[in-house]
Amino acid sequence: MKNRIAIQLILTAALLLVLAVPAAFAGDCREKISSDVFKYFGDFDANQVDCSDYSFEWVELSEDRLPDLIVNKKQFSCSPDGTCVWEVFWNVGTKMRHVGSLPGKYEVLDSKTKYFSDLEAVTREGDRVVLTWNGNSYENPTTSARTASNDEPNTGASIWDPLPAYGR
């Protein structure tokens, strides 16, 4: 009988944990992601951000031991077929600076250019490209990098233009 009660308590605790973790994570996005990133996507009040609209990954790009960010806002930068454009932000200590866009799937490579990790992207068409750091932003060797002010909100256009921006 005691074993049965113990098993029921463990299962109940596991269920509560499964239900509580997503709710805790959703609150974390506003605490962990800089308002600069939300502003880039047009969300000017970080307190009103719906964290479920965002997908993100913390990465180390520049060997400065500050976490950099690769993020997308699903409604803003993903097509109905699920292909997304990911935005790359470099953590410069006091803010997050937009430094590039990645179409489709991506991977942070072990190779480096000017002390920054190279990034590989696979476009919707299946083309594989390696983006390298040019000293100011990530650049596709076959396409000129976006050189507009990195602090202005995104207009929906990417250097790749692989997908139409929708939902805005």
N, C-alpha and C. Protein backbone atom coordinates (compact mmCIF):
# COMPACT_ATOMS: atom_id res chain seq x y z
N MET A 1 0.81 -1.20 0.00
CA MET A 1 0.00 0.00 0.00
C MET A 1 0.86 1.27 0.00
N LYS A 2 1.92 1.26 0.83
CA LYS A 2 2.81 2.42 0.89
C LYS A 2 3.49 2.67 -0.45
N ASN A 3 3.86 1.57 -1.13
CA ASN A 3 4.50 1.71 -2.44
C ASN A 3 3.55 2.34 -3.45
N ARG A 4 2.28 1.97 -3.38
CA ARG A 4 1.29 2.51 -4.31
C ARG A 4 1.11 4.01 -4.09
N ILE A 5 1.04 4.42 -2.84
CA ILE A 5 0.90 5.85 -2.51
C ILE A 5 2.15 6.61 -2.96
N ALA A 6 3.31 6.03 -2.73
CA ALA A 6 4.56 6.68 -3.15
C ALA A 6 4.59 6.84 -4.66
N ILE A 7 4.16 5.84 -5.38
CA ILE A 7 4.14 5.91 -6.85
C ILE A 7 3.15 6.98 -7.31
N GLN A 8 1.98 7.05 -6.67
CA GLN A 8 1.00 8.07 -7.02
C GLN A 8 1.55 9.48 -6.75
N LEU A 9 2.25 9.65 -5.65
CA LEU A 9 2.84 10.95 -5.34
C LEU A 9 3.91 11.33 -6.36
N ILE A 10 4.71 10.37 -6.75
CA ILE A 10 5.76 10.63 -7.74
C ILE A 10 5.13 11.01 -9.08
N LEU A 11 4.11 10.27 -9.50
CA LEU A 11 3.43 10.58 -10.77
C LEU A 11 2.76 11.94 -10.73
N THR A 12 2.14 12.27 -9.59
CA THR A 12 1.51 13.58 -9.44
C THR A 12 2.55 14.69 -9.51
N ALA A 13 3.68 14.51 -8.84
CA ALA A 13 4.75 15.50 -8.86
C ALA A 13 5.31 15.65 -10.28
N ALA A 14 5.46 14.54 -10.98
CA ALA A 14 5.97 14.59 -12.36
C ALA A 14 5.00 15.34 -13.25
N LEU A 15 3.70 15.11 -13.10
CA LEU A 15 2.70 15.80 -13.89
C LEU A 15 2.73 17.30 -13.61
N LEU A 16 2.81 17.67 -12.35
CA LEU A 16 2.89 19.10 -12.00
C LEU A 16 4.14 19.75 -12.58
N LEU A 17 5.25 19.03 -12.56
CA LEU A 17 6.49 19.55 -13.13
C LEU A 17 6.34 19.75 -14.63
N VAL A 18 5.75 18.80 -15.32
CA VAL A 18 5.55 18.91 -16.77
C VAL A 18 4.67 20.10 -17.09
N LEU A 19 3.67 20.36 -16.28
CA LEU A 19 2.77 21.48 -16.51
C LEU A 19 3.40 22.81 -16.12
N ALA A 20 4.26 22.82 -15.12
CA ALA A 20 4.83 24.07 -14.60
C ALA A 20 6.02 24.54 -15.43
N VAL A 21 6.81 23.65 -15.99
CA VAL A 21 8.02 24.05 -16.71
C VAL A 21 7.72 24.95 -17.91
N PRO A 22 6.75 24.61 -18.80
CA PRO A 22 6.48 25.52 -19.91
C PRO A 22 6.04 26.90 -19.45
N ALA A 23 5.23 26.98 -18.40
CA ALA A 23 4.79 28.27 -17.89
C ALA A 23 5.97 29.07 -17.35
N ALA A 24 6.89 28.42 -16.67
CA ALA A 24 8.07 29.11 -16.15
C ALA A 24 8.96 29.58 -17.28
N PHE A 25 9.11 28.75 -18.32
CA PHE A 25 9.95 29.13 -19.46
C PHE A 25 9.36 30.32 -20.19
N ALA A 26 8.03 30.33 -20.35
CA ALA A 26 7.38 31.43 -21.06
C ALA A 26 7.68 32.77 -20.38
N GLY A 27 7.69 32.80 -19.06
CA GLY A 27 8.01 34.02 -18.34
C GLY A 27 9.46 34.42 -18.49
N ASP A 28 10.33 33.43 -18.69
CA ASP A 28 11.75 33.69 -18.79
C ASP A 28 12.13 34.51 -20.01
N CYS A 29 11.42 34.39 -21.11
CA CYS A 29 11.85 35.07 -22.33
C CYS A 29 11.95 36.58 -22.10
N ARG A 30 11.02 37.16 -21.39
CA ARG A 30 11.05 38.61 -21.15
C ARG A 30 12.18 39.00 -20.21
N GLU A 31 12.57 38.08 -19.33
CA GLU A 31 13.64 38.38 -18.40
C GLU A 31 15.01 38.18 -19.02
N LYS A 32 15.13 37.25 -19.97
CA LYS A 32 16.43 36.89 -20.53
C LYS A 32 16.75 37.58 -21.84
N ILE A 33 15.73 37.91 -22.63
CA ILE A 33 15.97 38.53 -23.93
C ILE A 33 15.86 40.03 -23.79
N SER A 34 16.83 40.72 -24.31
CA SER A 34 16.88 42.18 -24.23
C SER A 34 15.72 42.82 -24.99
N SER A 35 15.27 43.96 -24.50
CA SER A 35 14.19 44.68 -25.19
C SER A 35 14.63 45.12 -26.59
N ASP A 36 15.95 45.24 -26.84
CA ASP A 36 16.44 45.57 -28.18
C ASP A 36 15.98 44.54 -29.21
N VAL A 37 15.97 43.28 -28.80
CA VAL A 37 15.55 42.20 -29.69
C VAL A 37 14.06 42.31 -29.97
N PHE A 38 13.26 42.52 -28.94
CA PHE A 38 11.83 42.64 -29.14
C PHE A 38 11.50 43.86 -30.02
N LYS A 39 12.21 44.95 -29.81
CA LYS A 39 11.99 46.16 -30.63
C LYS A 39 12.31 45.89 -32.09
N TYR A 40 13.32 45.08 -32.35
CA TYR A 40 13.68 44.74 -33.73
C TYR A 40 12.48 44.12 -34.45
N PHE A 41 11.71 43.32 -33.73
CA PHE A 41 10.55 42.65 -34.31
C PHE A 41 9.27 43.48 -34.18
N GLY A 42 9.39 44.71 -33.70
CA GLY A 42 8.23 45.58 -33.60
C GLY A 42 7.46 45.50 -32.31
N ASP A 43 7.97 44.77 -31.33
CA ASP A 43 7.33 44.68 -30.01
C ASP A 43 8.02 45.69 -29.09
N PHE A 44 7.45 46.88 -29.01
CA PHE A 44 8.12 47.96 -28.30
C PHE A 44 7.89 47.95 -26.79
N ASP A 45 6.94 47.16 -26.33
CA ASP A 45 6.71 47.03 -24.89
C ASP A 45 6.99 45.57 -24.50
N ALA A 46 8.18 45.34 -23.95
CA ALA A 46 8.59 43.97 -23.61
C ALA A 46 7.63 43.31 -22.64
N ASN A 47 6.94 44.10 -21.81
CA ASN A 47 6.00 43.53 -20.85
C ASN A 47 4.77 42.92 -21.53
N GLN A 48 4.51 43.33 -22.76
CA GLN A 48 3.35 42.83 -23.50
C GLN A 48 3.70 41.68 -24.46
N VAL A 49 4.97 41.27 -24.48
CA VAL A 49 5.42 40.23 -25.39
C VAL A 49 4.83 38.88 -25.02
N ASP A 50 4.34 38.16 -26.03
CA ASP A 50 3.88 36.79 -25.84
C ASP A 50 5.06 35.88 -26.19
N CYS A 51 5.67 35.28 -25.19
CA CYS A 51 6.88 34.48 -25.39
C CYS A 51 6.65 33.30 -26.33
N SER A 52 5.42 32.83 -26.44
CA SER A 52 5.17 31.70 -27.34
C SER A 52 5.30 32.10 -28.80
N ASP A 53 5.37 33.41 -29.09
CA ASP A 53 5.58 33.89 -30.46
C ASP A 53 7.03 33.76 -30.91
N TYR A 54 7.93 33.55 -29.96
CA TYR A 54 9.37 33.55 -30.25
C TYR A 54 9.99 32.17 -30.09
N SER A 55 10.95 31.88 -30.96
CA SER A 55 11.84 30.72 -30.80
C SER A 55 13.25 31.30 -30.75
N PHE A 56 14.08 30.78 -29.84
CA PHE A 56 15.42 31.33 -29.74
C PHE A 56 16.40 30.31 -29.22
N GLU A 57 17.68 30.60 -29.49
CA GLU A 57 18.77 29.76 -29.00
C GLU A 57 19.92 30.68 -28.60
N TRP A 58 20.45 30.45 -27.40
CA TRP A 58 21.63 31.17 -26.95
C TRP A 58 22.85 30.46 -27.52
N VAL A 59 23.77 31.21 -28.10
CA VAL A 59 24.98 30.65 -28.71
C VAL A 59 26.18 31.51 -28.34
N GLU A 60 27.38 30.98 -28.51
CA GLU A 60 28.60 31.76 -28.31
C GLU A 60 29.21 31.97 -29.70
N LEU A 61 29.17 33.21 -30.17
CA LEU A 61 29.68 33.50 -31.51
C LEU A 61 31.06 34.13 -31.50
N SER A 62 31.35 34.95 -30.49
CA SER A 62 32.53 35.81 -30.57
C SER A 62 33.61 35.53 -29.53
N GLU A 63 33.52 34.47 -28.80
CA GLU A 63 34.50 34.12 -27.77
C GLU A 63 34.67 35.18 -26.69
N ASP A 64 33.65 36.03 -26.51
CA ASP A 64 33.74 37.05 -25.47
C ASP A 64 33.05 36.62 -24.19
N ARG A 65 32.55 35.40 -24.17
CA ARG A 65 31.87 34.79 -23.02
C ARG A 65 30.55 35.47 -22.66
N LEU A 66 30.01 36.26 -23.59
CA LEU A 66 28.68 36.82 -23.43
C LEU A 66 27.74 36.04 -24.36
N PRO A 67 26.57 35.64 -23.87
CA PRO A 67 25.68 34.83 -24.71
C PRO A 67 25.08 35.65 -25.85
N ASP A 68 25.26 35.16 -27.06
CA ASP A 68 24.67 35.77 -28.24
C ASP A 68 23.37 35.03 -28.54
N LEU A 69 22.57 35.55 -29.47
CA LEU A 69 21.22 35.04 -29.63
C LEU A 69 20.87 34.85 -31.10
N ILE A 70 20.26 33.72 -31.40
CA ILE A 70 19.65 33.49 -32.71
C ILE A 70 18.17 33.29 -32.44
N VAL A 71 17.33 34.11 -33.07
CA VAL A 71 15.92 34.17 -32.69
C VAL A 71 15.04 34.42 -33.91
N ASN A 72 13.79 33.99 -33.81
CA ASN A 72 12.79 34.42 -34.78
C ASN A 72 11.47 34.64 -34.07
N LYS A 73 10.67 35.47 -34.68
CA LYS A 73 9.30 35.65 -34.23
C LYS A 73 8.45 34.91 -35.25
N LYS A 74 7.83 33.83 -34.81
CA LYS A 74 7.18 32.90 -35.73
C LYS A 74 6.22 33.59 -36.69
N GLN A 75 5.38 34.45 -36.20
CA GLN A 75 4.37 35.10 -37.03
C GLN A 75 5.02 36.09 -38.00
N PHE A 76 6.15 36.62 -37.64
CA PHE A 76 6.83 37.66 -38.42
C PHE A 76 7.76 37.06 -39.47
N SER A 77 8.48 35.98 -39.11
CA SER A 77 9.55 35.52 -39.98
C SER A 77 9.47 34.05 -40.37
N CYS A 78 8.29 33.44 -40.23
CA CYS A 78 8.13 32.05 -40.66
C CYS A 78 6.98 31.96 -41.65
N SER A 79 7.18 31.13 -42.67
CA SER A 79 6.13 30.93 -43.66
C SER A 79 5.16 29.86 -43.17
N PRO A 80 4.01 29.74 -43.81
CA PRO A 80 3.04 28.72 -43.40
C PRO A 80 3.60 27.29 -43.46
N ASP A 81 4.63 27.05 -44.31
CA ASP A 81 5.20 25.69 -44.37
C ASP A 81 6.22 25.45 -43.28
N GLY A 82 6.43 26.43 -42.39
CA GLY A 82 7.32 26.24 -41.25
C GLY A 82 8.75 26.67 -41.48
N THR A 83 9.07 27.15 -42.67
CA THR A 83 10.43 27.63 -42.94
C THR A 83 10.57 29.02 -42.33
N CYS A 84 11.65 29.23 -41.58
CA CYS A 84 11.82 30.50 -40.86
C CYS A 84 13.10 31.21 -41.27
N VAL A 85 13.10 32.51 -41.11
CA VAL A 85 14.32 33.31 -41.19
C VAL A 85 14.71 33.62 -39.76
N TRP A 86 15.92 33.26 -39.39
CA TRP A 86 16.43 33.48 -38.04
C TRP A 86 17.28 34.72 -38.03
N GLU A 87 17.13 35.54 -37.01
CA GLU A 87 17.91 36.77 -36.88
C GLU A 87 19.02 36.55 -35.85
N VAL A 88 20.20 37.05 -36.16
CA VAL A 88 21.38 36.84 -35.31
C VAL A 88 21.68 38.14 -34.57
N PHE A 89 21.82 38.03 -33.25
CA PHE A 89 22.12 39.19 -32.41
C PHE A 89 23.41 38.93 -31.63
N TRP A 90 24.29 39.91 -31.67
CA TRP A 90 25.56 39.86 -30.95
C TRP A 90 25.39 40.64 -29.65
N ASN A 91 25.76 40.03 -28.55
CA ASN A 91 25.67 40.66 -27.24
C ASN A 91 26.91 41.54 -27.06
N VAL A 92 26.71 42.85 -27.07
CA VAL A 92 27.83 43.77 -26.90
C VAL A 92 27.91 44.30 -25.47
N GLY A 93 27.26 43.60 -24.56
CA GLY A 93 27.35 43.95 -23.14
C GLY A 93 26.19 44.77 -22.65
N THR A 94 25.93 45.91 -23.27
CA THR A 94 24.84 46.76 -22.83
C THR A 94 23.58 46.58 -23.67
N LYS A 95 23.72 45.93 -24.82
CA LYS A 95 22.57 45.71 -25.68
C LYS A 95 22.86 44.58 -26.65
N MET A 96 21.82 44.15 -27.35
CA MET A 96 21.95 43.13 -28.39
C MET A 96 21.93 43.84 -29.74
N ARG A 97 22.93 43.58 -30.55
CA ARG A 97 23.07 44.23 -31.85
C ARG A 97 22.78 43.24 -32.98
N HIS A 98 21.82 43.58 -33.86
CA HIS A 98 21.49 42.69 -34.98
C HIS A 98 22.67 42.67 -35.96
N VAL A 99 23.13 41.44 -36.30
CA VAL A 99 24.31 41.33 -37.16
C VAL A 99 24.11 40.38 -38.34
N GLY A 100 22.90 39.87 -38.55
CA GLY A 100 22.70 39.01 -39.70
C GLY A 100 21.37 38.28 -39.67
N SER A 101 21.07 37.65 -40.82
CA SER A 101 19.85 36.87 -40.99
C SER A 101 20.21 35.52 -41.60
N LEU A 102 19.55 34.48 -41.13
CA LEU A 102 19.79 33.12 -41.61
C LEU A 102 18.49 32.54 -42.15
N PRO A 103 18.48 32.10 -43.42
CA PRO A 103 17.26 31.50 -43.95
C PRO A 103 17.18 30.03 -43.59
N GLY A 104 16.01 29.57 -43.27
CA GLY A 104 15.81 28.14 -43.05
C GLY A 104 16.58 27.61 -41.86
N LYS A 105 17.12 26.42 -42.01
CA LYS A 105 17.88 25.78 -40.94
C LYS A 105 19.27 26.38 -40.87
N TYR A 106 19.86 26.33 -39.68
CA TYR A 106 21.20 26.90 -39.51
C TYR A 106 22.01 26.04 -38.57
N GLU A 107 23.32 26.27 -38.60
CA GLU A 107 24.24 25.60 -37.68
C GLU A 107 25.40 26.54 -37.38
N VAL A 108 25.78 26.61 -36.13
CA VAL A 108 26.98 27.36 -35.74
C VAL A 108 28.16 26.42 -35.96
N LEU A 109 29.09 26.82 -36.80
CA LEU A 109 30.22 25.96 -37.16
C LEU A 109 31.39 26.15 -36.21
N ASP A 110 32.30 25.19 -36.19
CA ASP A 110 33.52 25.30 -35.39
C ASP A 110 34.53 26.26 -36.03
N SER A 111 34.44 26.44 -37.35
CA SER A 111 35.38 27.34 -38.03
C SER A 111 35.07 28.79 -37.66
N LYS A 112 36.08 29.64 -37.76
CA LYS A 112 35.94 31.04 -37.36
C LYS A 112 36.54 31.97 -38.41
N THR A 113 35.99 33.17 -38.50
CA THR A 113 36.52 34.23 -39.32
C THR A 113 36.61 35.47 -38.44
N LYS A 114 37.79 36.03 -38.31
CA LYS A 114 38.00 37.22 -37.47
C LYS A 114 37.46 37.01 -36.06
N TYR A 115 37.72 35.83 -35.49
CA TYR A 115 37.35 35.46 -34.12
C TYR A 115 35.87 35.21 -33.91
N PHE A 116 35.05 35.21 -34.96
CA PHE A 116 33.62 34.91 -34.84
C PHE A 116 33.33 33.59 -35.52
N SER A 117 32.45 32.79 -34.90
CA SER A 117 32.05 31.52 -35.49
C SER A 117 31.39 31.75 -36.84
N ASP A 118 31.71 30.89 -37.81
CA ASP A 118 31.01 30.91 -39.08
C ASP A 118 29.65 30.26 -38.88
N LEU A 119 28.69 30.65 -39.70
CA LEU A 119 27.34 30.11 -39.62
C LEU A 119 26.97 29.49 -40.95
N GLU A 120 26.41 28.30 -40.90
CA GLU A 120 25.93 27.66 -42.13
C GLU A 120 24.41 27.71 -42.14
N ALA A 121 23.85 28.08 -43.28
CA ALA A 121 22.40 28.14 -43.43
C ALA A 121 21.99 27.30 -44.63
N VAL A 122 20.81 26.71 -44.51
CA VAL A 122 20.24 25.94 -45.61
C VAL A 122 18.94 26.64 -46.00
N THR A 123 18.89 27.15 -47.22
CA THR A 123 17.71 27.88 -47.67
C THR A 123 16.56 26.93 -47.96
N ARG A 124 15.39 27.50 -48.19
CA ARG A 124 14.20 26.71 -48.50
C ARG A 124 14.43 25.87 -49.76
N GLU A 125 15.26 26.37 -50.66
CA GLU A 125 15.55 25.65 -51.89
C GLU A 125 16.60 24.56 -51.69
N GLY A 126 17.17 24.47 -50.49
CA GLY A 126 18.17 23.45 -50.20
C GLY A 126 19.60 23.90 -50.43
N ASP A 127 19.81 25.16 -50.79
CA ASP A 127 21.16 25.68 -50.97
C ASP A 127 21.84 25.84 -49.61
N ARG A 128 23.09 25.41 -49.53
CA ARG A 128 23.88 25.54 -48.30
C ARG A 128 24.86 26.69 -48.52
N VAL A 129 24.85 27.63 -47.59
CA VAL A 129 25.77 28.76 -47.66
C VAL A 129 26.42 28.95 -46.30
N VAL A 130 27.66 29.39 -46.32
CA VAL A 130 28.37 29.69 -45.08
C VAL A 130 28.49 31.20 -44.98
N LEU A 131 28.02 31.73 -43.86
CA LEU A 131 28.13 33.15 -43.60
C LEU A 131 29.35 33.38 -42.73
N THR A 132 30.13 34.38 -43.08
CA THR A 132 31.34 34.70 -42.32
C THR A 132 31.24 36.13 -41.79
N TRP A 133 31.99 36.37 -40.74
CA TRP A 133 32.02 37.68 -40.08
C TRP A 133 32.93 38.61 -40.89
N ASN A 134 32.43 39.78 -41.24
CA ASN A 134 33.23 40.73 -42.03
C ASN A 134 33.81 41.85 -41.17
N GLY A 135 33.68 41.73 -39.86
CA GLY A 135 34.16 42.77 -38.95
C GLY A 135 33.03 43.62 -38.40
N ASN A 136 31.86 43.56 -39.06
CA ASN A 136 30.71 44.35 -38.63
C ASN A 136 29.43 43.52 -38.57
N SER A 137 29.31 42.52 -39.45
CA SER A 137 28.11 41.70 -39.51
C SER A 137 28.42 40.39 -40.23
N TYR A 138 27.45 39.50 -40.25
CA TYR A 138 27.61 38.25 -40.98
C TYR A 138 27.26 38.49 -42.44
N GLU A 139 28.05 37.89 -43.30
CA GLU A 139 27.92 38.13 -44.72
C GLU A 139 27.94 36.82 -45.49
N ASN A 140 27.01 36.68 -46.43
CA ASN A 140 27.00 35.55 -47.33
C ASN A 140 28.00 35.88 -48.44
N PRO A 141 28.95 35.02 -48.73
CA PRO A 141 29.95 35.35 -49.75
C PRO A 141 29.37 35.56 -51.13
N THR A 142 28.15 35.08 -51.40
CA THR A 142 27.56 35.26 -52.72
C THR A 142 26.48 36.34 -52.73
N THR A 143 26.17 36.91 -51.59
CA THR A 143 25.15 37.95 -51.48
C THR A 143 25.67 39.04 -50.57
N SER A 144 25.50 40.29 -50.94
CA SER A 144 25.99 41.36 -50.07
C SER A 144 25.19 41.37 -48.77
N ALA A 145 25.87 41.64 -47.69
CA ALA A 145 25.22 41.65 -46.37
C ALA A 145 24.36 42.89 -46.21
N ARG A 146 23.39 42.76 -45.35
CA ARG A 146 22.53 43.88 -45.04
C ARG A 146 23.36 44.89 -44.28
N THR A 147 23.36 46.12 -44.74
CA THR A 147 24.21 47.13 -44.11
C THR A 147 23.40 48.27 -43.52
N ALA A 148 22.08 48.13 -43.48
CA ALA A 148 21.27 49.17 -42.86
C ALA A 148 21.61 49.24 -41.38
N SER A 149 21.17 50.31 -40.75
CA SER A 149 21.43 50.46 -39.32
C SER A 149 20.96 49.23 -38.57
N ASN A 150 21.84 48.67 -37.76
CA ASN A 150 21.52 47.45 -37.04
C ASN A 150 20.60 47.69 -35.86
N ASP A 151 20.31 48.93 -35.55
CA ASP A 151 19.49 49.24 -34.40
C ASP A 151 18.04 49.53 -34.76
N GLU A 152 17.73 49.62 -36.06
CA GLU A 152 16.37 49.94 -36.47
C GLU A 152 15.52 48.68 -36.52
N PRO A 153 14.22 48.80 -36.27
CA PRO A 153 13.35 47.63 -36.36
C PRO A 153 13.38 47.05 -37.77
N ASN A 154 13.21 45.75 -37.84
CA ASN A 154 13.20 45.05 -39.12
C ASN A 154 11.97 45.45 -39.91
N THR A 155 12.12 45.63 -41.20
CA THR A 155 11.00 45.97 -42.07
C THR A 155 10.35 44.73 -42.65
N GLY A 156 10.91 43.56 -42.34
CA GLY A 156 10.38 42.33 -42.89
C GLY A 156 11.24 41.79 -44.01
N ALA A 157 12.11 42.62 -44.57
CA ALA A 157 12.97 42.17 -45.66
C ALA A 157 14.26 41.62 -45.07
N SER A 158 14.75 40.58 -45.66
CA SER A 158 15.99 39.96 -45.24
C SER A 158 16.96 40.02 -46.39
N ILE A 159 18.25 39.88 -46.11
CA ILE A 159 19.20 39.85 -47.22
C ILE A 159 18.93 38.66 -48.11
N TRP A 160 18.21 37.67 -47.60
CA TRP A 160 17.94 36.46 -48.37
C TRP A 160 16.67 36.57 -49.18
N ASP A 161 15.69 37.26 -48.63
CA ASP A 161 14.35 37.28 -49.20
C ASP A 161 13.86 35.88 -49.54
N PRO A 162 14.09 34.88 -48.68
CA PRO A 162 13.64 33.54 -49.03
C PRO A 162 12.15 33.35 -48.83
N LEU A 163 11.55 34.18 -47.98
CA LEU A 163 10.15 34.03 -47.64
C LEU A 163 9.49 35.39 -47.54
N PRO A 164 8.24 35.46 -47.90
CA PRO A 164 7.56 36.73 -47.65
C PRO A 164 7.27 36.88 -46.16
N ALA A 165 7.46 38.07 -45.65
CA ALA A 165 7.09 38.32 -44.25
C ALA A 165 5.57 38.41 -44.21
N TYR A 166 4.98 37.83 -43.22
CA TYR A 166 3.53 37.88 -43.12
C TYR A 166 3.14 38.04 -41.66
N GLY A 167 1.90 38.38 -41.43
CA GLY A 167 1.41 38.46 -40.07
C GLY A 167 1.61 39.82 -39.44
N ARG A 168 2.09 40.78 -40.20
CA ARG A 168 2.28 42.12 -39.64
C ARG A 168 1.25 43.04 -40.15
